[in-house]
């Protein structure tokens, strides 16, 4: 990316089910969900929003090899998207196991996301 225009930060949690992908998708949604970039198109080649570059970094505490990068990219509606996984995030305890919610244990999976947008 030549020029970073925006850096968006989010957190995603899977309280029950211990699904790292749920936490990753929620982290990216949280990062991009409160932003509008109306001027972005004007600085992009051919003023096409699909020409923006979106670099997603996820801090994942466990099961990094199970992250579905295509599902993560699908959260971002436009642009040339990449996903980078790094060790991080957190595994905490919920204090309750709910088998009907898919719990195998009382772990809570927490993922942090940084989404950089530019061109």
N, C-alpha and C. Protein backbone atom coordinates (compact mmCIF):
# COMPACT_ATOMS: atom_id res chain seq x y z
N UNK A 1 0.86 -1.17 0.00
CA UNK A 1 0.00 0.00 0.00
C UNK A 1 0.90 1.23 0.00
N UNK A 2 0.64 2.12 -0.94
CA UNK A 2 1.45 3.34 -1.03
C UNK A 2 1.06 4.35 0.04
N UNK A 3 -0.23 4.50 0.25
CA UNK A 3 -0.72 5.53 1.17
C UNK A 3 -1.83 4.96 2.04
N UNK A 4 -1.63 4.99 3.35
CA UNK A 4 -2.67 4.59 4.29
C UNK A 4 -3.54 5.81 4.58
N UNK A 5 -4.85 5.66 4.39
CA UNK A 5 -5.78 6.76 4.61
C UNK A 5 -6.53 6.63 5.93
N UNK A 6 -6.86 5.37 6.30
CA UNK A 6 -7.63 5.11 7.51
C UNK A 6 -7.07 3.90 8.22
N UNK A 7 -7.12 3.94 9.54
CA UNK A 7 -6.80 2.77 10.36
C UNK A 7 -7.99 2.57 11.29
N UNK A 8 -8.63 1.43 11.16
CA UNK A 8 -9.82 1.12 11.94
C UNK A 8 -9.49 -0.03 12.88
N UNK A 9 -9.98 0.02 14.10
CA UNK A 9 -9.64 -0.98 15.12
C UNK A 9 -10.92 -1.58 15.69
N UNK A 10 -10.91 -2.90 15.84
CA UNK A 10 -12.09 -3.56 16.36
C UNK A 10 -11.76 -4.77 17.22
N UNK A 11 -12.79 -5.26 17.90
CA UNK A 11 -12.66 -6.44 18.73
C UNK A 11 -13.86 -7.34 18.46
N UNK A 12 -13.59 -8.64 18.40
CA UNK A 12 -14.65 -9.61 18.20
C UNK A 12 -14.57 -10.71 19.24
N UNK A 13 -15.72 -11.17 19.68
CA UNK A 13 -15.79 -12.16 20.75
C UNK A 13 -16.74 -13.28 20.35
N UNK A 14 -16.33 -14.51 20.65
CA UNK A 14 -17.27 -15.64 20.60
C UNK A 14 -17.43 -16.12 22.04
N UNK A 15 -18.56 -15.78 22.64
CA UNK A 15 -18.82 -16.12 24.05
C UNK A 15 -19.10 -17.60 24.24
N UNK A 16 -19.74 -18.22 23.27
CA UNK A 16 -20.11 -19.64 23.40
C UNK A 16 -19.86 -20.34 22.08
N UNK A 17 -19.23 -21.49 22.16
CA UNK A 17 -18.97 -22.28 20.97
C UNK A 17 -17.50 -22.35 20.60
N UNK A 18 -16.71 -21.45 21.15
CA UNK A 18 -15.26 -21.45 20.94
C UNK A 18 -14.90 -21.45 19.46
N UNK A 19 -15.60 -20.63 18.67
CA UNK A 19 -15.37 -20.54 17.23
C UNK A 19 -14.51 -19.33 16.91
N UNK A 20 -13.27 -19.59 16.56
CA UNK A 20 -12.33 -18.50 16.26
C UNK A 20 -12.79 -17.69 15.05
N UNK A 21 -13.47 -18.32 14.08
CA UNK A 21 -13.95 -17.58 12.92
C UNK A 21 -15.04 -16.58 13.28
N UNK A 22 -15.92 -16.97 14.17
CA UNK A 22 -16.95 -16.04 14.63
C UNK A 22 -16.31 -14.80 15.24
N UNK A 23 -15.30 -15.00 16.07
CA UNK A 23 -14.62 -13.88 16.71
C UNK A 23 -13.89 -13.02 15.68
N UNK A 24 -13.26 -13.63 14.68
CA UNK A 24 -12.54 -12.88 13.65
C UNK A 24 -13.49 -12.02 12.83
N UNK A 25 -14.59 -12.60 12.38
CA UNK A 25 -15.56 -11.86 11.58
C UNK A 25 -16.15 -10.71 12.39
N UNK A 26 -16.46 -10.96 13.63
CA UNK A 26 -17.01 -9.89 14.48
C UNK A 26 -15.99 -8.78 14.70
N UNK A 27 -14.73 -9.12 14.82
CA UNK A 27 -13.69 -8.10 15.02
C UNK A 27 -13.59 -7.17 13.81
N UNK A 28 -13.65 -7.74 12.61
CA UNK A 28 -13.58 -6.92 11.40
C UNK A 28 -14.85 -6.09 11.25
N UNK A 29 -16.00 -6.69 11.53
CA UNK A 29 -17.25 -5.91 11.48
C UNK A 29 -17.21 -4.74 12.45
N UNK A 30 -16.68 -4.98 13.64
CA UNK A 30 -16.57 -3.92 14.63
C UNK A 30 -15.64 -2.81 14.13
N UNK A 31 -14.54 -3.20 13.50
CA UNK A 31 -13.58 -2.21 13.02
C UNK A 31 -14.17 -1.32 11.93
N UNK A 32 -14.92 -1.89 11.02
CA UNK A 32 -15.40 -1.10 9.87
C UNK A 32 -16.82 -0.60 10.02
N UNK A 33 -17.51 -1.05 11.06
CA UNK A 33 -18.94 -0.81 11.16
C UNK A 33 -19.39 0.59 11.55
N UNK A 34 -18.48 1.45 11.93
CA UNK A 34 -18.86 2.78 12.39
C UNK A 34 -18.18 3.87 11.57
N UNK A 35 -17.89 3.56 10.30
CA UNK A 35 -17.13 4.49 9.47
C UNK A 35 -17.81 4.70 8.13
N UNK A 36 -17.58 5.87 7.60
CA UNK A 36 -17.96 6.17 6.23
C UNK A 36 -16.77 6.90 5.61
N UNK A 37 -16.44 6.57 4.39
CA UNK A 37 -15.28 7.18 3.73
C UNK A 37 -15.70 7.81 2.41
N UNK A 38 -16.54 8.84 2.45
CA UNK A 38 -17.10 9.39 1.22
C UNK A 38 -16.07 9.99 0.28
N UNK A 39 -14.95 10.44 0.78
CA UNK A 39 -13.92 11.05 -0.07
C UNK A 39 -12.95 10.06 -0.66
N UNK A 40 -13.00 8.82 -0.24
CA UNK A 40 -12.03 7.82 -0.66
C UNK A 40 -12.03 7.62 -2.17
N UNK A 41 -13.19 7.57 -2.76
CA UNK A 41 -13.31 7.33 -4.20
C UNK A 41 -12.50 8.36 -5.01
N UNK A 42 -12.47 9.59 -4.56
CA UNK A 42 -11.82 10.66 -5.32
C UNK A 42 -10.30 10.49 -5.44
N UNK A 43 -9.68 9.70 -4.58
CA UNK A 43 -8.23 9.52 -4.65
C UNK A 43 -7.83 8.18 -5.28
N UNK A 44 -8.80 7.38 -5.68
CA UNK A 44 -8.52 6.06 -6.24
C UNK A 44 -8.44 6.09 -7.76
N UNK A 45 -7.65 5.19 -8.30
CA UNK A 45 -7.54 5.04 -9.74
C UNK A 45 -8.93 4.84 -10.32
N UNK A 46 -9.24 5.64 -11.34
CA UNK A 46 -10.53 5.60 -12.02
C UNK A 46 -11.71 5.85 -11.07
N UNK A 47 -11.42 6.39 -9.89
CA UNK A 47 -12.44 6.65 -8.88
C UNK A 47 -13.29 5.42 -8.59
N UNK A 48 -12.64 4.26 -8.65
CA UNK A 48 -13.31 2.97 -8.44
C UNK A 48 -12.98 2.45 -7.05
N UNK A 49 -14.01 2.28 -6.20
CA UNK A 49 -13.76 1.86 -4.82
C UNK A 49 -13.19 0.44 -4.72
N UNK A 50 -13.27 -0.31 -5.81
CA UNK A 50 -12.63 -1.62 -5.80
C UNK A 50 -11.12 -1.51 -5.95
N UNK A 51 -10.61 -0.31 -6.23
CA UNK A 51 -9.17 -0.10 -6.32
C UNK A 51 -8.53 0.29 -4.99
N UNK A 52 -9.34 0.43 -3.95
CA UNK A 52 -8.73 0.70 -2.64
C UNK A 52 -8.09 -0.60 -2.13
N UNK A 53 -7.08 -0.42 -1.30
CA UNK A 53 -6.37 -1.55 -0.70
C UNK A 53 -6.83 -1.65 0.75
N UNK A 54 -7.17 -2.87 1.17
CA UNK A 54 -7.64 -3.11 2.53
C UNK A 54 -6.78 -4.22 3.13
N UNK A 55 -5.98 -3.85 4.11
CA UNK A 55 -5.12 -4.81 4.79
C UNK A 55 -5.69 -5.09 6.18
N UNK A 56 -6.05 -6.34 6.41
CA UNK A 56 -6.67 -6.76 7.67
C UNK A 56 -5.64 -7.54 8.48
N UNK A 57 -5.39 -7.09 9.70
CA UNK A 57 -4.51 -7.82 10.61
C UNK A 57 -5.35 -8.28 11.78
N UNK A 58 -5.28 -9.57 12.08
CA UNK A 58 -6.04 -10.15 13.18
C UNK A 58 -5.09 -10.73 14.22
N UNK A 59 -5.29 -10.36 15.46
CA UNK A 59 -4.56 -10.94 16.59
C UNK A 59 -5.42 -12.06 17.14
N UNK A 60 -4.99 -13.30 16.91
CA UNK A 60 -5.79 -14.48 17.19
C UNK A 60 -5.11 -15.31 18.29
N UNK A 61 -5.85 -15.66 19.36
CA UNK A 61 -5.22 -16.34 20.49
C UNK A 61 -5.03 -17.84 20.32
N UNK A 62 -5.90 -18.49 19.54
CA UNK A 62 -5.84 -19.95 19.40
C UNK A 62 -6.33 -20.35 18.01
N UNK A 63 -6.00 -21.54 17.61
CA UNK A 63 -6.54 -22.14 16.38
C UNK A 63 -6.35 -21.26 15.16
N UNK A 64 -5.22 -20.57 15.09
CA UNK A 64 -4.95 -19.67 13.98
C UNK A 64 -5.07 -20.39 12.63
N UNK A 65 -4.69 -21.66 12.60
CA UNK A 65 -4.74 -22.42 11.35
C UNK A 65 -6.17 -22.69 10.89
N UNK A 66 -7.14 -22.46 11.75
CA UNK A 66 -8.54 -22.69 11.38
C UNK A 66 -9.26 -21.43 10.91
N UNK A 67 -8.56 -20.30 10.89
CA UNK A 67 -9.21 -19.06 10.46
C UNK A 67 -9.53 -19.13 8.97
N UNK A 68 -10.77 -18.85 8.63
CA UNK A 68 -11.25 -18.83 7.25
C UNK A 68 -11.04 -17.42 6.71
N UNK A 69 -9.91 -17.22 6.04
CA UNK A 69 -9.57 -15.88 5.55
C UNK A 69 -10.58 -15.36 4.53
N UNK A 70 -11.16 -16.23 3.75
CA UNK A 70 -12.17 -15.79 2.77
C UNK A 70 -13.42 -15.27 3.47
N UNK A 71 -13.81 -15.89 4.58
CA UNK A 71 -14.97 -15.40 5.35
C UNK A 71 -14.66 -14.03 5.94
N UNK A 72 -13.42 -13.84 6.38
CA UNK A 72 -13.01 -12.55 6.93
C UNK A 72 -13.03 -11.48 5.84
N UNK A 73 -12.47 -11.79 4.67
CA UNK A 73 -12.46 -10.84 3.56
C UNK A 73 -13.88 -10.47 3.13
N UNK A 74 -14.80 -11.42 3.21
CA UNK A 74 -16.17 -11.19 2.76
C UNK A 74 -16.88 -10.11 3.58
N UNK A 75 -16.39 -9.83 4.77
CA UNK A 75 -16.99 -8.79 5.61
C UNK A 75 -16.77 -7.41 4.99
N UNK A 76 -15.67 -7.23 4.30
CA UNK A 76 -15.31 -5.95 3.69
C UNK A 76 -15.92 -5.91 2.29
N UNK A 77 -16.80 -4.95 2.02
CA UNK A 77 -17.56 -4.99 0.77
C UNK A 77 -16.78 -4.63 -0.49
N UNK A 78 -15.71 -3.85 -0.38
CA UNK A 78 -14.99 -3.38 -1.56
C UNK A 78 -13.50 -3.46 -1.33
N UNK A 79 -12.76 -3.42 -2.42
CA UNK A 79 -11.31 -3.30 -2.33
C UNK A 79 -10.56 -4.58 -2.59
N UNK A 80 -9.25 -4.41 -2.64
CA UNK A 80 -8.30 -5.50 -2.80
C UNK A 80 -7.85 -5.88 -1.40
N UNK A 81 -8.30 -7.02 -0.91
CA UNK A 81 -8.19 -7.37 0.50
C UNK A 81 -7.12 -8.42 0.76
N UNK A 82 -6.38 -8.21 1.86
CA UNK A 82 -5.45 -9.22 2.34
C UNK A 82 -5.69 -9.41 3.83
N UNK A 83 -5.34 -10.61 4.31
CA UNK A 83 -5.48 -10.92 5.73
C UNK A 83 -4.14 -11.40 6.26
N UNK A 84 -3.74 -10.84 7.38
CA UNK A 84 -2.52 -11.29 8.07
C UNK A 84 -2.92 -11.70 9.48
N UNK A 85 -2.46 -12.86 9.90
CA UNK A 85 -2.75 -13.36 11.25
C UNK A 85 -1.50 -13.26 12.10
N UNK A 86 -1.68 -12.76 13.33
CA UNK A 86 -0.59 -12.69 14.29
C UNK A 86 -1.07 -13.27 15.62
N UNK A 87 -0.13 -13.71 16.42
CA UNK A 87 -0.49 -14.21 17.75
C UNK A 87 -0.96 -13.04 18.60
N UNK A 88 -2.02 -13.24 19.34
CA UNK A 88 -2.54 -12.17 20.19
C UNK A 88 -3.94 -12.50 20.64
N UNK A 89 -4.72 -11.48 20.90
CA UNK A 89 -6.06 -11.69 21.40
C UNK A 89 -6.03 -12.25 22.81
N UNK A 90 -7.07 -13.00 23.15
CA UNK A 90 -7.19 -13.49 24.52
C UNK A 90 -8.17 -14.64 24.57
N UNK A 91 -7.88 -15.59 25.43
CA UNK A 91 -8.86 -16.62 25.81
C UNK A 91 -9.18 -16.36 27.27
N UNK A 92 -10.44 -16.11 27.55
CA UNK A 92 -10.89 -15.84 28.92
C UNK A 92 -11.94 -16.89 29.29
N UNK A 93 -12.45 -16.82 30.47
CA UNK A 93 -13.47 -17.76 30.95
C UNK A 93 -14.82 -17.05 31.07
N UNK A 94 -15.87 -17.73 30.61
CA UNK A 94 -17.21 -17.18 30.72
C UNK A 94 -17.84 -17.54 32.06
N UNK A 95 -17.34 -18.61 32.68
CA UNK A 95 -17.90 -19.04 33.95
C UNK A 95 -19.09 -19.96 33.82
N UNK A 96 -19.46 -20.28 32.56
CA UNK A 96 -20.61 -21.17 32.36
C UNK A 96 -20.41 -21.95 31.07
N UNK A 97 -20.83 -23.19 31.07
CA UNK A 97 -20.81 -24.02 29.87
C UNK A 97 -22.25 -24.23 29.43
N UNK A 98 -22.56 -23.85 28.21
CA UNK A 98 -23.91 -23.99 27.66
C UNK A 98 -23.86 -24.92 26.45
N UNK A 99 -24.06 -26.20 26.67
CA UNK A 99 -24.00 -27.16 25.56
C UNK A 99 -24.95 -26.83 24.41
N UNK A 100 -26.12 -26.27 24.71
CA UNK A 100 -27.06 -25.92 23.65
C UNK A 100 -26.56 -24.78 22.77
N UNK A 101 -25.53 -24.07 23.21
CA UNK A 101 -24.90 -23.00 22.42
C UNK A 101 -23.61 -23.49 21.75
N UNK A 102 -23.33 -24.79 21.87
CA UNK A 102 -22.15 -25.36 21.22
C UNK A 102 -20.91 -25.37 22.08
N UNK A 103 -21.04 -25.02 23.35
CA UNK A 103 -19.87 -24.97 24.23
C UNK A 103 -19.27 -26.36 24.45
N UNK A 104 -17.95 -26.45 24.29
CA UNK A 104 -17.20 -27.63 24.70
C UNK A 104 -16.58 -27.38 26.07
N UNK A 105 -16.45 -26.08 26.41
CA UNK A 105 -15.88 -25.64 27.69
C UNK A 105 -16.36 -24.21 27.94
N UNK A 106 -15.78 -23.54 28.91
CA UNK A 106 -16.21 -22.16 29.19
C UNK A 106 -15.26 -21.10 28.65
N UNK A 107 -14.48 -21.47 27.61
CA UNK A 107 -13.57 -20.51 27.00
C UNK A 107 -14.34 -19.46 26.19
N UNK A 108 -13.85 -18.23 26.27
CA UNK A 108 -14.32 -17.12 25.46
C UNK A 108 -13.17 -16.73 24.55
N UNK A 109 -13.40 -16.69 23.26
CA UNK A 109 -12.36 -16.36 22.28
C UNK A 109 -12.50 -14.87 21.93
N UNK A 110 -11.40 -14.12 22.12
CA UNK A 110 -11.39 -12.69 21.83
C UNK A 110 -10.30 -12.40 20.79
N UNK A 111 -10.70 -11.75 19.70
CA UNK A 111 -9.79 -11.41 18.61
C UNK A 111 -9.79 -9.90 18.43
N UNK A 112 -8.60 -9.35 18.19
CA UNK A 112 -8.47 -7.93 17.87
C UNK A 112 -8.19 -7.78 16.38
N UNK A 113 -8.73 -6.72 15.78
CA UNK A 113 -8.53 -6.46 14.35
C UNK A 113 -8.03 -5.04 14.13
N UNK A 114 -7.13 -4.91 13.18
CA UNK A 114 -6.73 -3.62 12.63
C UNK A 114 -6.98 -3.70 11.14
N UNK A 115 -7.75 -2.74 10.63
CA UNK A 115 -8.05 -2.70 9.20
C UNK A 115 -7.48 -1.38 8.67
N UNK A 116 -6.51 -1.53 7.79
CA UNK A 116 -5.89 -0.35 7.16
C UNK A 116 -6.47 -0.21 5.76
N UNK A 117 -6.87 1.01 5.42
CA UNK A 117 -7.48 1.29 4.13
C UNK A 117 -6.69 2.39 3.45
N UNK A 118 -6.38 2.16 2.21
CA UNK A 118 -5.62 3.16 1.45
C UNK A 118 -5.60 2.80 -0.01
N UNK A 119 -4.47 3.19 -0.65
CA UNK A 119 -4.32 2.89 -2.08
C UNK A 119 -2.86 2.69 -2.40
